[in-house]
Amino acid sequence: MAATTLARGTHTIYNVPDIYDVGVMCELLESMGAATIRRPGVVEIEIDDLEPVAPRALFEKMRASTAVLGPLLTRFGHVELGIPGGDDFGHRPIDMHLTGLETLGASFVADGDGVTGTTPGLKGAVVTLAFPSVGATENIMMAATLATGTTVIDNAAREPEIADLASMLNKMGARITGSGTPQITIEGVEHLEAVTHRVITDRIQAATFMAAVGIAGGEVVLREARYDQMDMVCQKVGEMGLRTSPSHDGIWVMANQRLRAVDLATLPYPGVATDYKPFLVALLTLAEGTSIVTENLFAGRFRYVEELVKMGANVRTDGNHAIIQGVERLAGGEVVSHDIRAGAALVIAALGAKEPTFVADAGHIARGYPDLAGDLALLGADIAVETV
């Protein structure tokens, strides 16, 4: 959606989930002068004259709002945005975004509420990322599409979503090669055009249901899920005893016995994604044996562990490690969701509890799932959403 700001015209994006964050991005684009229309699975965005300044309060609602930084800067030479918000699991600066864009010729001034960027015109350069950040790779790649000359991003993020964005940009007329590898090359062009694009399926959502099967038992086909984009997590849950296999229309998952403990660590793609970890921790609370889970990407992303302990899980944390002694059943109880994935993890953990579980602040979940409760209910879960 952020990439549409690079070109005038009407863009149509398919396979768009009906989640809160899509609404926030529509609101953000509209505040700058775009027109958006949403219908089931589709967003139409009409880009004409934009003002690259938006109410800073909008940026506080969602971290992904930083994705407009690169495209607006390269197209207009000026952008003002607020401090990004979103999930609360530790400090996640945008320094790499700014440093990369400065390498291309931008200048930034920060204040207590946000950042203002200007440039007389971006020029291609070699940008080496200190860490393969998805957001920084996206921002620099989008900015480089309209820069003068050739840009090379070294140590680029390799996630499937990066390749999907590059595919859309290339349809718009960009010249990008190497997406999905550690080195991406972008040859700047003079202008881009509006396009129609279908985004890839959500592998994090697929992993949520995969873990739910492991906790509750059963047999499910995750339609349109891509096994080739989830092979590492499929390998890990396979070590636990969960059976997975690519099928003609997605990924087949089955669990018919208690799973066993494994050790795992989060790493940039193609490693186990940090967004998978809350589901895997929930899964391991019920596995036989002792597991150690290591978080290598974000500090503070174990806040949900104390909520799992309230449910009867035997988990303790030590720095960036969680040590999990599996129990046969969780107890249930009242817990609090601190972010999207933590909230979803608590919901699926409740499938393995002998008593009812109440998850408060579940509004976080709507930021990443159109109808998690409804989908689980269709699979046989006894679940309902209550408005308080």
Protein backbone atom coordinates (compact mmCIF):
# COMPACT_ATOMS: atom_id res chain seq x y z
CA MET A 1 0.00 0.00 0.00
CA ALA A 2 2.88 2.37 0.78
CA ALA A 3 4.42 1.64 -2.62
CA THR A 4 1.36 3.01 -4.40
CA THR A 5 2.48 6.53 -3.42
CA LEU A 6 5.27 6.17 -6.00
CA ALA A 7 2.94 6.50 -9.01
CA ARG A 8 -0.17 8.39 -10.06
CA GLY A 9 -3.26 6.41 -11.03
CA THR A 10 -5.50 3.75 -9.54
CA HIS A 11 -3.77 0.78 -7.94
CA THR A 12 -5.72 -2.40 -7.14
CA ILE A 13 -4.36 -4.83 -4.56
CA TYR A 14 -5.89 -8.29 -4.08
CA ASN A 15 -5.71 -10.82 -1.24
CA VAL A 16 -5.78 -8.01 1.34
CA PRO A 17 -6.90 -9.13 4.81
CA ASP A 18 -9.68 -7.28 6.62
CA ILE A 19 -7.48 -6.28 9.56
CA TYR A 20 -7.16 -3.13 11.63
CA ASP A 21 -3.74 -2.16 10.26
CA VAL A 22 -5.05 -2.06 6.68
CA GLY A 23 -7.63 0.47 7.86
CA VAL A 24 -4.91 2.55 9.54
CA MET A 25 -2.85 2.58 6.34
CA CYS A 26 -5.92 3.65 4.34
CA GLU A 27 -6.47 6.45 6.84
CA LEU A 28 -2.82 7.49 6.55
CA LEU A 29 -2.89 7.58 2.74
CA GLU A 30 -6.19 9.47 2.73
CA SER A 31 -4.78 12.08 5.11
CA MET A 32 -2.15 12.87 2.45
CA GLY A 33 -4.69 13.15 -0.37
CA ALA A 34 -5.16 9.61 -1.70
CA ALA A 35 -8.58 8.02 -2.18
CA THR A 36 -9.14 4.44 -1.02
CA ILE A 37 -11.96 1.94 -1.47
CA ARG A 38 -12.09 -1.31 0.48
CA ARG A 39 -14.15 -4.36 -0.36
CA PRO A 40 -13.68 -7.98 0.76
CA GLY A 41 -10.11 -8.99 -0.06
CA VAL A 42 -9.44 -5.91 -2.20
CA VAL A 43 -8.15 -2.37 -1.72
CA GLU A 44 -8.24 0.24 -4.49
CA ILE A 45 -5.98 3.24 -4.01
CA GLU A 46 -6.17 6.30 -6.25
CA ILE A 47 -3.02 8.40 -6.17
CA ASP A 48 -3.14 11.92 -7.60
CA ASP A 49 -1.74 15.00 -5.87
CA LEU A 50 -0.31 14.04 -2.50
CA GLU A 51 0.98 16.15 0.35
CA PRO A 52 3.87 14.19 1.95
CA VAL A 53 2.83 15.23 5.44
CA ALA A 54 0.35 13.38 7.65
CA PRO A 55 -1.05 13.84 11.17
CA ARG A 56 1.64 12.48 13.45
CA ALA A 57 -0.93 10.72 15.62
CA LEU A 58 -1.55 8.26 12.77
CA PHE A 59 2.06 7.08 12.82
CA GLU A 60 1.73 6.21 16.49
CA LYS A 61 -0.93 3.59 15.71
CA MET A 62 1.19 1.29 13.57
CA ARG A 63 4.90 0.69 13.06
CA ALA A 64 4.41 -0.19 9.39
CA SER A 65 3.57 3.47 8.78
CA THR A 66 7.34 4.02 8.35
CA ALA A 67 7.00 2.27 4.96
CA VAL A 68 5.88 5.57 3.39
CA LEU A 69 9.18 7.25 4.27
CA GLY A 70 11.23 6.03 1.30
CA PRO A 71 8.63 6.37 -1.47
CA LEU A 72 7.45 9.84 -0.42
CA LEU A 73 11.01 11.11 -0.03
CA THR A 74 12.14 9.90 -3.45
CA ARG A 75 9.04 11.18 -5.25
CA PHE A 76 8.57 14.56 -3.54
CA GLY A 77 11.98 15.33 -2.03
CA HIS A 78 10.33 16.02 1.32
CA VAL A 79 8.49 14.01 3.98
CA GLU A 80 7.33 14.50 7.55
CA LEU A 81 6.30 11.55 9.71
CA GLY A 82 5.71 10.80 13.36
CA ILE A 83 7.34 8.35 15.70
CA PRO A 84 6.11 4.88 14.66
CA GLY A 85 3.98 2.90 17.09
CA GLY A 86 2.59 -0.64 17.02
CA ASP A 87 3.47 -3.65 19.13
CA ASP A 88 5.07 -3.12 22.51
CA PHE A 89 7.98 -5.56 22.75
CA GLY A 90 11.12 -3.55 23.12
CA HIS A 91 12.98 -0.72 21.41
CA ARG A 92 13.01 -0.98 17.62
CA PRO A 93 14.71 2.13 16.19
CA ILE A 94 14.45 3.23 12.56
CA ASP A 95 18.13 4.23 12.46
CA MET A 96 18.88 1.79 9.62
CA HIS A 97 16.08 3.27 7.53
CA LEU A 98 17.46 6.79 7.98
CA THR A 99 21.13 5.84 7.55
CA GLY A 100 20.38 3.95 4.34
CA LEU A 101 18.40 6.86 2.89
CA GLU A 102 21.15 9.29 3.93
CA THR A 103 23.58 7.18 1.90
CA LEU A 104 21.34 7.90 -1.11
CA GLY A 105 21.46 11.65 -0.42
CA ALA A 106 18.70 12.40 2.08
CA SER A 107 18.97 14.59 5.18
CA PHE A 108 16.88 14.17 8.33
CA VAL A 109 16.02 16.36 11.29
CA ALA A 110 14.42 14.66 14.30
CA ASP A 111 12.43 16.22 17.11
CA GLY A 112 10.50 14.81 20.02
CA ASP A 113 7.46 13.93 17.88
CA GLY A 114 8.87 12.73 14.60
CA VAL A 115 11.32 13.19 11.77
CA THR A 116 11.51 15.44 8.70
CA GLY A 117 13.41 14.28 5.62
CA THR A 118 14.56 16.31 2.61
CA THR A 119 16.66 15.68 -0.49
CA PRO A 120 17.56 17.60 -3.66
CA GLY A 121 17.32 14.23 -5.41
CA LEU A 122 18.37 10.75 -4.38
CA LYS A 123 21.35 9.15 -6.10
CA GLY A 124 22.24 5.49 -6.33
CA ALA A 125 24.85 4.10 -3.94
CA VAL A 126 25.93 0.96 -2.15
CA VAL A 127 24.00 0.59 1.11
CA THR A 128 25.27 -2.03 3.54
CA LEU A 129 22.81 -2.85 6.30
CA ALA A 130 24.17 -3.64 9.76
CA PHE A 131 21.31 -6.15 10.10
CA PRO A 132 18.99 -7.61 7.42
CA SER A 133 16.04 -5.45 8.47
CA VAL A 134 12.83 -6.03 6.53
CA GLY A 135 11.57 -2.47 6.99
CA ALA A 136 14.88 -0.85 6.09
CA THR A 137 15.28 -3.06 3.01
CA GLU A 138 11.76 -2.15 1.86
CA ASN A 139 12.23 1.58 2.41
CA ILE A 140 15.60 1.76 0.66
CA MET A 141 14.40 -0.43 -2.23
CA MET A 142 11.31 1.74 -2.82
CA ALA A 143 13.30 4.96 -2.56
CA ALA A 144 15.92 3.68 -5.01
CA THR A 145 13.36 2.98 -7.74
CA LEU A 146 13.20 6.70 -8.63
CA ALA A 147 16.78 7.61 -7.66
CA THR A 148 19.38 8.54 -10.25
CA GLY A 149 21.75 5.68 -11.02
CA THR A 150 22.13 2.22 -9.50
CA THR A 151 21.63 1.26 -5.86
CA VAL A 152 22.92 -1.95 -4.31
CA ILE A 153 21.60 -3.13 -0.93
CA ASP A 154 24.06 -5.48 0.75
CA ASN A 155 22.96 -7.72 3.64
CA ALA A 156 19.38 -7.17 2.51
CA ALA A 157 16.47 -8.96 4.15
CA ARG A 158 15.48 -12.13 2.26
CA GLU A 159 11.88 -12.61 3.42
CA PRO A 160 9.25 -13.65 0.84
CA GLU A 161 7.51 -10.34 1.44
CA ILE A 162 10.58 -8.51 0.08
CA ALA A 163 10.42 -10.51 -3.15
CA ASP A 164 6.67 -9.85 -3.39
CA LEU A 165 7.19 -6.10 -3.02
CA ALA A 166 9.93 -6.20 -5.66
CA SER A 167 7.55 -8.06 -7.97
CA MET A 168 4.94 -5.32 -7.59
CA LEU A 169 7.52 -2.56 -8.10
CA ASN A 170 8.81 -4.25 -11.25
CA LYS A 171 5.25 -4.37 -12.59
CA MET A 172 5.14 -0.61 -11.96
CA GLY A 173 8.21 -0.21 -14.15
CA ALA A 174 11.05 -0.50 -11.64
CA ARG A 175 14.23 -2.42 -12.42
CA ILE A 176 15.01 -4.61 -9.43
CA THR A 177 17.04 -7.82 -9.41
CA GLY A 178 18.25 -10.07 -6.61
CA SER A 179 15.22 -9.84 -4.32
CA GLY A 180 15.16 -12.82 -1.98
CA THR A 181 18.98 -12.82 -1.85
CA PRO A 182 21.38 -10.88 0.42
CA GLN A 183 22.18 -8.44 -2.41
CA ILE A 184 19.47 -6.46 -4.21
CA THR A 185 20.24 -4.20 -7.17
CA ILE A 186 17.93 -1.36 -8.20
CA GLU A 187 18.44 0.69 -11.36
CA GLY A 188 16.61 3.99 -10.99
CA VAL A 189 13.92 4.96 -13.52
CA GLU A 190 12.23 8.29 -14.27
CA HIS A 191 8.66 7.32 -13.42
CA LEU A 192 6.44 4.42 -12.37
CA GLU A 193 2.86 3.48 -13.25
CA ALA A 194 -0.16 2.25 -11.30
CA VAL A 195 -0.69 -1.53 -11.30
CA THR A 196 -2.87 -4.41 -10.15
CA HIS A 197 -1.16 -6.86 -7.81
CA ARG A 198 -2.09 -9.88 -5.69
CA VAL A 199 -0.08 -10.15 -2.47
CA ILE A 200 1.25 -13.45 -1.17
CA THR A 201 -0.50 -15.31 1.64
CA ASP A 202 0.33 -14.61 5.27
CA ARG A 203 2.84 -17.20 6.49
CA ILE A 204 2.62 -15.92 10.10
CA GLN A 205 -1.12 -16.54 10.15
CA ALA A 206 -0.54 -19.99 8.66
CA ALA A 207 1.96 -20.79 11.43
CA THR A 208 -0.65 -19.74 14.01
CA PHE A 209 -3.09 -22.39 12.81
CA MET A 210 -0.29 -24.93 12.46
CA ALA A 211 0.51 -24.47 16.16
CA ALA A 212 -3.19 -24.63 17.03
CA VAL A 213 -3.37 -28.08 15.43
CA GLY A 214 -0.37 -29.15 17.48
CA ILE A 215 -2.03 -28.02 20.70
CA ALA A 216 -5.58 -29.23 20.06
CA GLY A 217 -4.86 -32.22 17.82
CA GLY A 218 -6.61 -32.93 14.55
CA GLU A 219 -6.02 -32.68 10.82
CA VAL A 220 -6.23 -29.43 8.84
CA VAL A 221 -5.30 -28.12 5.40
CA LEU A 222 -3.99 -24.54 5.43
CA ARG A 223 -5.26 -23.46 2.05
CA GLU A 224 -2.89 -21.40 -0.12
CA ALA A 225 -0.13 -21.54 2.51
CA ARG A 226 3.29 -21.86 0.87
CA TYR A 227 5.42 -24.73 2.17
CA ASP A 228 8.48 -23.37 0.35
CA GLN A 229 8.19 -20.14 2.37
CA MET A 230 7.75 -21.97 5.69
CA ASP A 231 10.13 -24.89 5.38
CA MET A 232 12.21 -24.01 8.47
CA VAL A 233 9.22 -23.73 10.81
CA CYS A 234 7.76 -26.90 9.26
CA GLN A 235 11.05 -28.63 9.99
CA LYS A 236 10.98 -27.47 13.63
CA VAL A 237 7.40 -28.53 14.32
CA GLY A 238 8.24 -31.79 12.56
CA GLU A 239 10.98 -32.38 15.14
CA MET A 240 8.27 -31.94 17.77
CA GLY A 241 6.18 -34.66 16.14
CA LEU A 242 3.70 -32.52 14.22
CA ARG A 243 3.22 -33.90 10.72
CA THR A 244 3.23 -31.44 7.81
CA SER A 245 3.33 -31.85 4.06
CA PRO A 246 2.78 -29.66 1.00
CA SER A 247 -0.56 -30.43 -0.64
CA HIS A 248 -2.03 -29.40 -3.98
CA ASP A 249 -3.81 -26.44 -2.37
CA GLY A 250 -1.65 -25.55 0.63
CA ILE A 251 -0.06 -27.28 3.62
CA TRP A 252 -1.49 -30.39 5.30
CA VAL A 253 -1.02 -30.54 9.09
CA MET A 254 -1.85 -33.37 11.50
CA ALA A 255 -1.26 -34.04 15.20
CA ASN A 256 -2.47 -37.25 16.82
CA GLN A 257 -0.20 -37.55 19.86
CA ARG A 258 1.55 -35.45 22.48
CA LEU A 259 4.46 -33.53 20.99
CA ARG A 260 8.04 -33.62 22.28
CA ALA A 261 10.38 -30.84 23.40
CA VAL A 262 12.92 -29.20 21.07
CA ASP A 263 15.36 -26.31 21.26
CA LEU A 264 15.03 -23.44 18.79
CA ALA A 265 16.32 -19.93 18.13
CA THR A 266 14.92 -17.04 16.12
CA LEU A 267 16.97 -15.81 13.16
CA PRO A 268 16.39 -13.66 10.07
CA TYR A 269 14.79 -15.47 7.12
CA PRO A 270 15.20 -18.27 6.17
CA GLY A 271 15.58 -18.99 9.89
CA VAL A 272 12.69 -19.30 12.36
CA ALA A 273 10.96 -15.92 12.35
CA THR A 274 10.58 -14.03 15.61
CA ASP A 275 6.85 -13.69 14.82
CA TYR A 276 6.54 -17.49 14.94
CA LYS A 277 8.08 -17.72 18.40
CA PRO A 278 5.04 -16.97 20.62
CA PHE A 279 3.08 -19.78 18.92
CA LEU A 280 5.97 -22.20 19.23
CA VAL A 281 6.47 -21.33 22.90
CA ALA A 282 2.75 -21.96 23.50
CA LEU A 283 3.11 -25.29 21.68
CA LEU A 284 6.15 -26.30 23.75
CA THR A 285 4.38 -25.59 27.06
CA LEU A 286 2.45 -28.81 26.36
CA ALA A 287 5.29 -30.84 24.82
CA GLU A 288 6.95 -33.68 26.70
CA GLY A 289 10.37 -32.70 28.07
CA THR A 290 12.37 -29.48 28.46
CA SER A 291 12.87 -26.94 25.67
CA ILE A 292 15.06 -23.85 25.39
CA VAL A 293 13.91 -21.05 23.09
CA THR A 294 16.34 -18.23 22.26
CA GLU A 295 15.28 -14.81 20.97
CA ASN A 296 18.03 -13.27 18.84
CA LEU A 297 16.19 -10.37 17.23
CA PHE A 298 14.15 -8.31 19.69
CA ALA A 299 14.65 -7.53 23.37
CA GLY A 300 11.50 -7.69 25.49
CA ARG A 301 9.67 -10.23 23.39
CA PHE A 302 8.92 -12.62 26.23
CA ARG A 303 6.25 -10.52 27.97
CA TYR A 304 3.58 -13.11 27.18
CA VAL A 305 5.46 -15.76 29.16
CA GLU A 306 4.10 -14.47 32.47
CA GLU A 307 0.61 -14.81 31.01
CA LEU A 308 1.28 -18.43 30.03
CA VAL A 309 2.53 -19.04 33.58
CA LYS A 310 -0.82 -17.75 34.86
CA MET A 311 -2.40 -20.50 32.76
CA GLY A 312 -0.29 -23.18 34.45
CA ALA A 313 2.69 -23.30 32.09
CA ASN A 314 6.11 -24.09 33.54
CA VAL A 315 8.26 -21.43 31.85
CA ARG A 316 11.00 -19.14 33.10
CA THR A 317 13.11 -16.60 31.25
CA ASP A 318 16.81 -15.86 31.54
CA GLY A 319 17.88 -12.92 29.38
CA ASN A 320 17.01 -13.79 25.81
CA HIS A 321 16.22 -17.43 26.66
CA ALA A 322 13.01 -19.13 27.74
CA ILE A 323 13.28 -22.49 29.49
CA ILE A 324 10.09 -24.52 29.12
CA GLN A 325 9.19 -27.67 31.02
CA GLY A 326 6.18 -29.14 29.28
CA VAL A 327 3.00 -29.96 31.22
CA GLU A 328 0.20 -32.31 30.17
CA ARG A 329 -2.55 -29.68 30.38
CA LEU A 330 -2.76 -25.96 31.03
CA ALA A 331 -5.20 -24.70 33.64
CA GLY A 332 -6.78 -21.72 31.89
CA GLY A 333 -7.55 -18.43 33.63
CA GLU A 334 -7.52 -14.70 32.92
CA VAL A 335 -4.62 -13.34 30.85
CA VAL A 336 -3.71 -10.17 28.94
CA SER A 337 -2.65 -9.77 25.31
CA HIS A 338 0.30 -7.36 24.90
CA ASP A 339 0.68 -7.51 21.11
CA ILE A 340 -0.68 -9.24 18.00
CA ARG A 341 1.30 -12.48 18.11
CA ALA A 342 1.32 -12.76 21.90
CA GLY A 343 -2.47 -12.42 21.90
CA ALA A 344 -2.86 -15.08 19.22
CA ALA A 345 -0.47 -17.35 21.14
CA LEU A 346 -2.57 -17.05 24.30
CA VAL A 347 -5.71 -17.89 22.34
CA ILE A 348 -4.23 -21.05 20.84
CA ALA A 349 -2.65 -22.01 24.18
CA ALA A 350 -6.17 -21.90 25.62
CA LEU A 351 -7.06 -24.80 23.30
CA GLY A 352 -4.86 -26.95 25.56
CA ALA A 353 -6.40 -25.81 28.87
CA LYS A 354 -8.83 -27.82 30.97
CA GLU A 355 -10.72 -24.72 32.16
CA PRO A 356 -11.99 -21.68 30.24
CA THR A 357 -9.47 -18.95 29.41
CA PHE A 358 -10.30 -15.25 29.11
CA VAL A 359 -7.90 -13.15 27.00
CA ALA A 360 -8.19 -9.42 27.74
CA ASP A 361 -7.05 -6.61 25.42
CA ALA A 362 -7.74 -8.93 22.50
CA GLY A 363 -8.10 -5.91 20.22
CA HIS A 364 -4.40 -6.33 19.45
CA ILE A 365 -5.25 -9.58 17.67
CA ALA A 366 -7.49 -7.76 15.17
CA ARG A 367 -4.41 -5.92 13.93
CA GLY A 368 -3.13 -9.13 12.35
CA TYR A 369 -6.08 -11.53 12.00
CA PRO A 370 -9.40 -10.84 10.25
CA ASP A 371 -11.36 -13.27 12.46
CA LEU A 372 -9.14 -15.57 14.52
CA ALA A 373 -11.98 -16.60 16.83
CA GLY A 374 -14.33 -17.35 13.93
CA ASP A 375 -11.75 -19.39 12.06
CA LEU A 376 -10.90 -21.45 15.13
CA ALA A 377 -14.60 -21.98 15.81
CA LEU A 378 -15.02 -23.38 12.29
CA LEU A 379 -12.28 -25.89 13.14
CA GLY A 380 -14.11 -27.01 16.27
CA ALA A 381 -12.86 -24.67 19.00
CA ASP A 382 -15.27 -23.47 21.69
CA ILE A 383 -14.46 -19.76 21.41
CA ALA A 384 -16.27 -16.45 21.34
CA VAL A 385 -15.45 -12.73 21.33
CA GLU A 386 -17.03 -10.63 24.07
CA THR A 387 -17.31 -6.85 23.90
CA VAL A 388 -16.48 -5.28 27.25
